């Protein structure tokens, strides 16, 4: 019996009935068909979090970059979610990495967030709809406190649920979690400028500036 998704909208414990035509045949190929009633009981399908394809990219010239502003949160059963978590897993540098979010968007959706700098975990608490949790998670940004950070990519995990028994903390294949890779690129900073040449330049002479960068610069 394959209902082909007909009863996917049933909430946990809800029931529906359907008719089934059951045909039996003997060795002589004589058949008899009877109609029976079947009761289908709904179960709670887990919500699905899907991260977008590709990677995010952070450069030291930026003031923070969105981790994934196209992720989606869906649940065929609808309902609400009890918070969410965002964590920096592989590549985490506690003295460098930070996660933040738009507190106005979160507050307007009855969610509050707190970042644990030692663990690299941003935890959202509160009960909100799927659309509201999605909207808040899309505002999460990554930033780095160092001008010359460790360049290893950071793997950032989104998880539905704030860490309680209903949370699923596992790999990207889990329907309740998704992973996003953040690449790090260093943009050299000008740390020293000196001037050479005439002190009072006119149209017939020039001034030369010497720039010292914090990192080696190629292709200049």
C-alpha atoms as a PDB file:
ATOM      1  CA  UNK A   1       0.000   0.000   0.000  1.00  0.00           C
ATOM      2  CA  UNK A   2       1.550   3.282  -1.145  1.00  0.00           C
ATOM      3  CA  UNK A   3      -0.571   6.369  -0.361  1.00  0.00           C
ATOM      4  CA  UNK A   4       1.751   8.526  -2.531  1.00  0.00           C
ATOM      5  CA  UNK A   5       1.877  11.351   0.003  1.00  0.00           C
ATOM      6  CA  UNK A   6      -1.893  11.596   0.422  1.00  0.00           C
ATOM      7  CA  UNK A   7      -1.681  11.594   4.232  1.00  0.00           C
ATOM      8  CA  UNK A   8       1.520  13.571   4.776  1.00  0.00           C
ATOM      9  CA  UNK A   9      -0.441  16.517   6.176  1.00  0.00           C
ATOM     10  CA  UNK A  10      -1.775  14.488   9.126  1.00  0.00           C
ATOM     11  CA  UNK A  11      -0.535  15.779  12.466  1.00  0.00           C
ATOM     12  CA  UNK A  12       0.882  13.425  15.063  1.00  0.00           C
ATOM     13  CA  UNK A  13      -1.955  11.173  16.290  1.00  0.00           C
ATOM     14  CA  UNK A  14      -4.517  12.351  13.741  1.00  0.00           C
ATOM     15  CA  UNK A  15      -6.281   9.629  11.739  1.00  0.00           C
ATOM     16  CA  UNK A  16      -7.875   9.280   8.331  1.00  0.00           C
ATOM     17  CA  UNK A  17      -9.544   6.397   6.520  1.00  0.00           C
ATOM     18  CA  UNK A  18      -9.188   5.138   2.979  1.00  0.00           C
ATOM     19  CA  UNK A  19     -10.631   2.298   0.913  1.00  0.00           C
ATOM     20  CA  UNK A  20      -8.440  -0.486  -0.390  1.00  0.00           C
ATOM     21  CA  UNK A  21      -9.381  -3.002  -3.053  1.00  0.00           C
ATOM     22  CA  UNK A  22      -7.828  -6.349  -2.135  1.00  0.00           C
ATOM     23  CA  UNK A  23      -7.733  -9.046  -4.809  1.00  0.00           C
ATOM     24  CA  UNK A  24      -6.721 -12.649  -4.173  1.00  0.00           C
ATOM     25  CA  UNK A  25      -6.206 -15.378  -6.774  1.00  0.00           C
ATOM     26  CA  UNK A  26      -5.863 -19.134  -6.579  1.00  0.00           C
ATOM     27  CA  UNK A  27      -3.690 -21.465  -8.620  1.00  0.00           C
ATOM     28  CA  UNK A  28      -6.378 -21.713 -11.279  1.00  0.00           C
ATOM     29  CA  UNK A  29      -6.304 -17.917 -11.617  1.00  0.00           C
ATOM     30  CA  UNK A  30      -9.731 -17.494 -10.142  1.00  0.00           C
ATOM     31  CA  UNK A  31      -9.905 -14.110  -8.409  1.00  0.00           C
ATOM     32  CA  UNK A  32     -11.977 -12.501  -5.722  1.00  0.00           C
ATOM     33  CA  UNK A  33     -11.873  -8.789  -4.916  1.00  0.00           C
ATOM     34  CA  UNK A  34     -13.039  -7.275  -1.657  1.00  0.00           C
ATOM     35  CA  UNK A  35     -13.048  -3.676  -0.485  1.00  0.00           C
ATOM     36  CA  UNK A  36     -11.644  -2.996   2.971  1.00  0.00           C
ATOM     37  CA  UNK A  37     -11.317   0.165   5.021  1.00  0.00           C
ATOM     38  CA  UNK A  38      -7.878   1.142   6.281  1.00  0.00           C
ATOM     39  CA  UNK A  39      -7.130   3.652   9.030  1.00  0.00           C
ATOM     40  CA  UNK A  40      -3.989   5.761   8.677  1.00  0.00           C
ATOM     41  CA  UNK A  41      -2.481   7.371  11.802  1.00  0.00           C
ATOM     42  CA  UNK A  42      -0.291  10.413  11.387  1.00  0.00           C
ATOM     43  CA  UNK A  43       3.175  10.690  12.911  1.00  0.00           C
ATOM     44  CA  UNK A  44       5.265  13.778  13.592  1.00  0.00           C
ATOM     45  CA  UNK A  45       7.597  14.312  10.624  1.00  0.00           C
ATOM     46  CA  UNK A  46      10.809  16.148  11.563  1.00  0.00           C
ATOM     47  CA  UNK A  47      11.403  19.639  10.194  1.00  0.00           C
ATOM     48  CA  UNK A  48      13.880  19.983   7.350  1.00  0.00           C
ATOM     49  CA  UNK A  49      16.700  22.537   7.290  1.00  0.00           C
ATOM     50  CA  UNK A  50      18.416  22.958   3.927  1.00  0.00           C
ATOM     51  CA  UNK A  51      21.509  25.102   3.393  1.00  0.00           C
ATOM     52  CA  UNK A  52      22.159  26.639  -0.004  1.00  0.00           C
ATOM     53  CA  UNK A  53      24.817  25.281  -2.325  1.00  0.00           C
ATOM     54  CA  UNK A  54      28.345  26.656  -2.516  1.00  0.00           C
ATOM     55  CA  UNK A  55      30.441  28.394   0.126  1.00  0.00           C
ATOM     56  CA  UNK A  56      30.469  31.755   1.864  1.00  0.00           C
ATOM     57  CA  UNK A  57      33.601  33.881   1.723  1.00  0.00           C
ATOM     58  CA  UNK A  58      35.013  36.218   4.381  1.00  0.00           C
ATOM     59  CA  UNK A  59      37.805  38.734   3.824  1.00  0.00           C
ATOM     60  CA  UNK A  60      39.573  40.770   6.455  1.00  0.00           C
ATOM     61  CA  UNK A  61      38.457  43.957   4.707  1.00  0.00           C
ATOM     62  CA  UNK A  62      34.821  43.204   5.573  1.00  0.00           C
ATOM     63  CA  UNK A  63      32.989  43.840   8.826  1.00  0.00           C
ATOM     64  CA  UNK A  64      31.165  40.527   8.882  1.00  0.00           C
ATOM     65  CA  UNK A  65      29.561  38.396   6.199  1.00  0.00           C
ATOM     66  CA  UNK A  66      26.298  36.479   6.110  1.00  0.00           C
ATOM     67  CA  UNK A  67      26.740  32.753   6.570  1.00  0.00           C
ATOM     68  CA  UNK A  68      23.731  31.645   4.506  1.00  0.00           C
ATOM     69  CA  UNK A  69      20.931  34.087   3.704  1.00  0.00           C
ATOM     70  CA  UNK A  70      19.187  31.547   1.466  1.00  0.00           C
ATOM     71  CA  UNK A  71      18.773  28.585   3.830  1.00  0.00           C
ATOM     72  CA  UNK A  72      15.257  27.187   4.221  1.00  0.00           C
ATOM     73  CA  UNK A  73      13.321  25.652   7.125  1.00  0.00           C
ATOM     74  CA  UNK A  74      10.270  23.550   6.262  1.00  0.00           C
ATOM     75  CA  UNK A  75       7.971  21.024   7.939  1.00  0.00           C
ATOM     76  CA  UNK A  76       5.083  19.352   6.166  1.00  0.00           C
ATOM     77  CA  UNK A  77       3.281  19.164   9.526  1.00  0.00           C
ATOM     78  CA  UNK A  78       3.697  22.894  10.192  1.00  0.00           C
ATOM     79  CA  UNK A  79       3.781  23.943  13.841  1.00  0.00           C
ATOM     80  CA  UNK A  80       6.488  25.762  15.806  1.00  0.00           C
ATOM     81  CA  UNK A  81      10.133  25.180  16.687  1.00  0.00           C
ATOM     82  CA  UNK A  82      11.858  25.489  20.031  1.00  0.00           C
ATOM     83  CA  UNK A  83      14.884  27.626  19.153  1.00  0.00           C
ATOM     84  CA  UNK A  84      17.936  26.787  17.060  1.00  0.00           C
ATOM     85  CA  UNK A  85      21.722  26.657  17.240  1.00  0.00           C
ATOM     86  CA  UNK A  86      24.544  27.798  14.985  1.00  0.00           C
ATOM     87  CA  UNK A  87      28.028  26.451  15.731  1.00  0.00           C
ATOM     88  CA  UNK A  88      31.491  26.764  14.247  1.00  0.00           C
ATOM     89  CA  UNK A  89      32.758  23.213  14.034  1.00  0.00           C
ATOM     90  CA  UNK A  90      35.840  22.346  11.983  1.00  0.00           C
ATOM     91  CA  UNK A  91      38.450  25.118  11.915  1.00  0.00           C
ATOM     92  CA  UNK A  92      37.104  26.984  14.946  1.00  0.00           C
ATOM     93  CA  UNK A  93      39.521  29.536  16.447  1.00  0.00           C
ATOM     94  CA  UNK A  94      38.111  30.799  19.775  1.00  0.00           C
ATOM     95  CA  UNK A  95      40.378  33.860  19.913  1.00  0.00           C
ATOM     96  CA  UNK A  96      39.349  34.936  16.415  1.00  0.00           C
ATOM     97  CA  UNK A  97      35.892  33.759  15.397  1.00  0.00           C
ATOM     98  CA  UNK A  98      32.570  35.376  16.241  1.00  0.00           C
ATOM     99  CA  UNK A  99      28.965  34.777  15.211  1.00  0.00           C
ATOM    100  CA  UNK A 100      26.319  37.460  15.465  1.00  0.00           C
ATOM    101  CA  UNK A 101      22.751  38.063  14.305  1.00  0.00           C
ATOM    102  CA  UNK A 102      20.157  40.787  13.796  1.00  0.00           C
ATOM    103  CA  UNK A 103      18.627  41.197  17.243  1.00  0.00           C
ATOM    104  CA  UNK A 104      15.738  43.309  15.913  1.00  0.00           C
ATOM    105  CA  UNK A 105      14.649  40.541  13.557  1.00  0.00           C
ATOM    106  CA  UNK A 106      14.966  37.986  16.377  1.00  0.00           C
ATOM    107  CA  UNK A 107      13.118  40.057  18.981  1.00  0.00           C
ATOM    108  CA  UNK A 108      10.253  40.697  16.571  1.00  0.00           C
ATOM    109  CA  UNK A 109       9.913  36.915  16.235  1.00  0.00           C
ATOM    110  CA  UNK A 110      10.060  36.080  19.964  1.00  0.00           C
ATOM    111  CA  UNK A 111      13.588  34.673  19.763  1.00  0.00           C
ATOM    112  CA  UNK A 112      16.711  35.723  21.660  1.00  0.00           C
ATOM    113  CA  UNK A 113      20.288  34.719  20.987  1.00  0.00           C
ATOM    114  CA  UNK A 114      23.483  34.281  23.004  1.00  0.00           C
ATOM    115  CA  UNK A 115      26.964  33.569  21.648  1.00  0.00           C
ATOM    116  CA  UNK A 116      29.443  31.439  23.600  1.00  0.00           C
ATOM    117  CA  UNK A 117      32.834  32.695  22.416  1.00  0.00           C
ATOM    118  CA  UNK A 118      34.690  29.807  24.041  1.00  0.00           C
ATOM    119  CA  UNK A 119      32.681  27.144  22.233  1.00  0.00           C
ATOM    120  CA  UNK A 120      31.757  28.989  19.055  1.00  0.00           C
ATOM    121  CA  UNK A 121      28.037  28.340  19.569  1.00  0.00           C
ATOM    122  CA  UNK A 122      25.224  30.820  18.975  1.00  0.00           C
ATOM    123  CA  UNK A 123      22.061  29.599  20.728  1.00  0.00           C
ATOM    124  CA  UNK A 124      18.578  30.917  19.989  1.00  0.00           C
ATOM    125  CA  UNK A 125      15.854  30.315  22.557  1.00  0.00           C
ATOM    126  CA  UNK A 126      12.119  30.801  22.315  1.00  0.00           C
ATOM    127  CA  UNK A 127       9.235  29.236  20.417  1.00  0.00           C
ATOM    128  CA  UNK A 128       8.629  30.499  16.897  1.00  0.00           C
ATOM    129  CA  UNK A 129       7.124  29.461  13.582  1.00  0.00           C
ATOM    130  CA  UNK A 130       9.172  27.822  10.841  1.00  0.00           C
ATOM    131  CA  UNK A 131       9.196  31.036   8.816  1.00  0.00           C
ATOM    132  CA  UNK A 132      10.351  33.067  11.828  1.00  0.00           C
ATOM    133  CA  UNK A 133      13.207  30.698  12.663  1.00  0.00           C
ATOM    134  CA  UNK A 134      14.254  30.741   9.011  1.00  0.00           C
ATOM    135  CA  UNK A 135      14.231  34.552   8.947  1.00  0.00           C
ATOM    136  CA  UNK A 136      16.439  34.778  12.049  1.00  0.00           C
ATOM    137  CA  UNK A 137      18.935  32.123  10.910  1.00  0.00           C
ATOM    138  CA  UNK A 138      19.346  33.975   7.621  1.00  0.00           C
ATOM    139  CA  UNK A 139      20.660  37.012   9.529  1.00  0.00           C
ATOM    140  CA  UNK A 140      23.570  35.126  11.159  1.00  0.00           C
ATOM    141  CA  UNK A 141      26.943  36.608  10.232  1.00  0.00           C
ATOM    142  CA  UNK A 142      30.544  35.506  10.707  1.00  0.00           C
ATOM    143  CA  UNK A 143      33.339  37.903  11.667  1.00  0.00           C
ATOM    144  CA  UNK A 144      36.974  37.576  12.704  1.00  0.00           C
ATOM    145  CA  UNK A 145      38.673  39.686  15.370  1.00  0.00           C
ATOM    146  CA  UNK A 146      42.181  39.307  13.919  1.00  0.00           C
ATOM    147  CA  UNK A 147      43.628  41.420  11.104  1.00  0.00           C
ATOM    148  CA  UNK A 148      45.667  38.386  10.057  1.00  0.00           C
ATOM    149  CA  UNK A 149      43.427  35.411  10.893  1.00  0.00           C
ATOM    150  CA  UNK A 150      44.033  31.706  10.488  1.00  0.00           C
ATOM    151  CA  UNK A 151      43.112  30.984   6.873  1.00  0.00           C
ATOM    152  CA  UNK A 152      41.655  27.499   7.372  1.00  0.00           C
ATOM    153  CA  UNK A 153      38.003  27.234   6.277  1.00  0.00           C
ATOM    154  CA  UNK A 154      35.379  27.204   9.026  1.00  0.00           C
ATOM    155  CA  UNK A 155      32.565  24.665   8.890  1.00  0.00           C
ATOM    156  CA  UNK A 156      29.429  26.255  10.338  1.00  0.00           C
ATOM    157  CA  UNK A 157      26.531  24.029  11.427  1.00  0.00           C
ATOM    158  CA  UNK A 158      22.878  25.094  11.672  1.00  0.00           C
ATOM    159  CA  UNK A 159      20.699  22.947  13.939  1.00  0.00           C
ATOM    160  CA  UNK A 160      16.982  23.199  14.682  1.00  0.00           C
ATOM    161  CA  UNK A 161      16.248  23.010  18.408  1.00  0.00           C
ATOM    162  CA  UNK A 162      18.183  24.805  21.137  1.00  0.00           C
ATOM    163  CA  UNK A 163      20.070  21.763  22.423  1.00  0.00           C
ATOM    164  CA  UNK A 164      17.356  19.918  24.325  1.00  0.00           C
ATOM    165  CA  UNK A 165      16.213  16.311  23.843  1.00  0.00           C
ATOM    166  CA  UNK A 166      14.409  17.168  20.582  1.00  0.00           C
ATOM    167  CA  UNK A 167      17.501  18.610  18.915  1.00  0.00           C
ATOM    168  CA  UNK A 168      19.412  16.714  16.276  1.00  0.00           C
ATOM    169  CA  UNK A 169      23.144  17.491  16.256  1.00  0.00           C
ATOM    170  CA  UNK A 170      24.682  15.497  13.448  1.00  0.00           C
ATOM    171  CA  UNK A 171      26.090  15.742   9.958  1.00  0.00           C
ATOM    172  CA  UNK A 172      24.656  17.569   6.968  1.00  0.00           C
ATOM    173  CA  UNK A 173      22.671  14.493   6.001  1.00  0.00           C
ATOM    174  CA  UNK A 174      20.366  14.963   8.995  1.00  0.00           C
ATOM    175  CA  UNK A 175      17.104  16.642   8.042  1.00  0.00           C
ATOM    176  CA  UNK A 176      17.266  18.910  11.086  1.00  0.00           C
ATOM    177  CA  UNK A 177      20.731  20.278  10.459  1.00  0.00           C
ATOM    178  CA  UNK A 178      22.765  21.729   7.627  1.00  0.00           C
ATOM    179  CA  UNK A 179      26.380  22.772   7.155  1.00  0.00           C
ATOM    180  CA  UNK A 180      27.962  25.761   5.438  1.00  0.00           C
ATOM    181  CA  UNK A 181      31.665  26.295   4.684  1.00  0.00           C
ATOM    182  CA  UNK A 182      33.220  29.735   5.240  1.00  0.00           C
ATOM    183  CA  UNK A 183      36.491  30.460   3.430  1.00  0.00           C
ATOM    184  CA  UNK A 184      38.869  33.055   4.886  1.00  0.00           C
ATOM    185  CA  UNK A 185      40.922  35.479   2.784  1.00  0.00           C
ATOM    186  CA  UNK A 186      43.413  38.022   4.141  1.00  0.00           C
ATOM    187  CA  UNK A 187      43.446  41.503   2.644  1.00  0.00           C
ATOM    188  CA  UNK A 188      46.741  43.313   3.488  1.00  0.00           C
ATOM    189  CA  UNK A 189      46.383  46.529   5.459  1.00  0.00           C
ATOM    190  CA  UNK A 190      48.460  49.677   4.984  1.00  0.00           C
ATOM    191  CA  UNK A 191      50.281  50.086   8.296  1.00  0.00           C
ATOM    192  CA  UNK A 192      52.828  52.788   7.437  1.00  0.00           C
ATOM    193  CA  UNK A 193      53.049  55.624   4.903  1.00  0.00           C
ATOM    194  CA  UNK A 194      56.119  57.758   4.219  1.00  0.00           C
ATOM    195  CA  UNK A 195      56.596  60.583   1.746  1.00  0.00           C
ATOM    196  CA  UNK A 196      59.645  61.303  -0.353  1.00  0.00           C
ATOM    197  CA  UNK A 197      60.447  64.016  -2.862  1.00  0.00           C
ATOM    198  CA  UNK A 198      59.795  67.746  -2.682  1.00  0.00           C
ATOM    199  CA  UNK A 199      57.888  69.118   0.267  1.00  0.00           C
ATOM    200  CA  UNK A 200      55.966  71.687  -1.808  1.00  0.00           C
ATOM    201  CA  UNK A 201      55.006  70.008  -5.074  1.00  0.00           C
ATOM    202  CA  UNK A 202      53.978  72.012  -8.136  1.00  0.00           C
ATOM    203  CA  UNK A 203      52.799  70.938 -11.525  1.00  0.00           C
ATOM    204  CA  UNK A 204      56.393  70.381 -12.576  1.00  0.00           C
ATOM    205  CA  UNK A 205      57.496  68.105  -9.755  1.00  0.00           C
ATOM    206  CA  UNK A 206      56.004  65.170  -7.869  1.00  0.00           C
ATOM    207  CA  UNK A 207      55.601  63.549  -4.481  1.00  0.00           C
ATOM    208  CA  UNK A 208      56.191  59.813  -3.911  1.00  0.00           C
ATOM    209  CA  UNK A 209      54.460  57.891  -1.138  1.00  0.00           C
ATOM    210  CA  UNK A 210      55.900  54.624   0.182  1.00  0.00           C
ATOM    211  CA  UNK A 211      53.291  52.200   1.575  1.00  0.00           C
ATOM    212  CA  UNK A 212      54.136  49.391   3.982  1.00  0.00           C
ATOM    213  CA  UNK A 213      51.629  46.501   4.164  1.00  0.00           C
ATOM    214  CA  UNK A 214      50.908  44.084   6.972  1.00  0.00           C
ATOM    215  CA  UNK A 215      51.224  41.122   4.599  1.00  0.00           C
ATOM    216  CA  UNK A 216      53.241  40.524   1.417  1.00  0.00           C
ATOM    217  CA  UNK A 217      51.440  41.849  -1.653  1.00  0.00           C
ATOM    218  CA  UNK A 218      51.856  40.240  -5.048  1.00  0.00           C
ATOM    219  CA  UNK A 219      50.879  41.415  -8.516  1.00  0.00           C
ATOM    220  CA  UNK A 220      51.401  45.124  -7.702  1.00  0.00           C
END
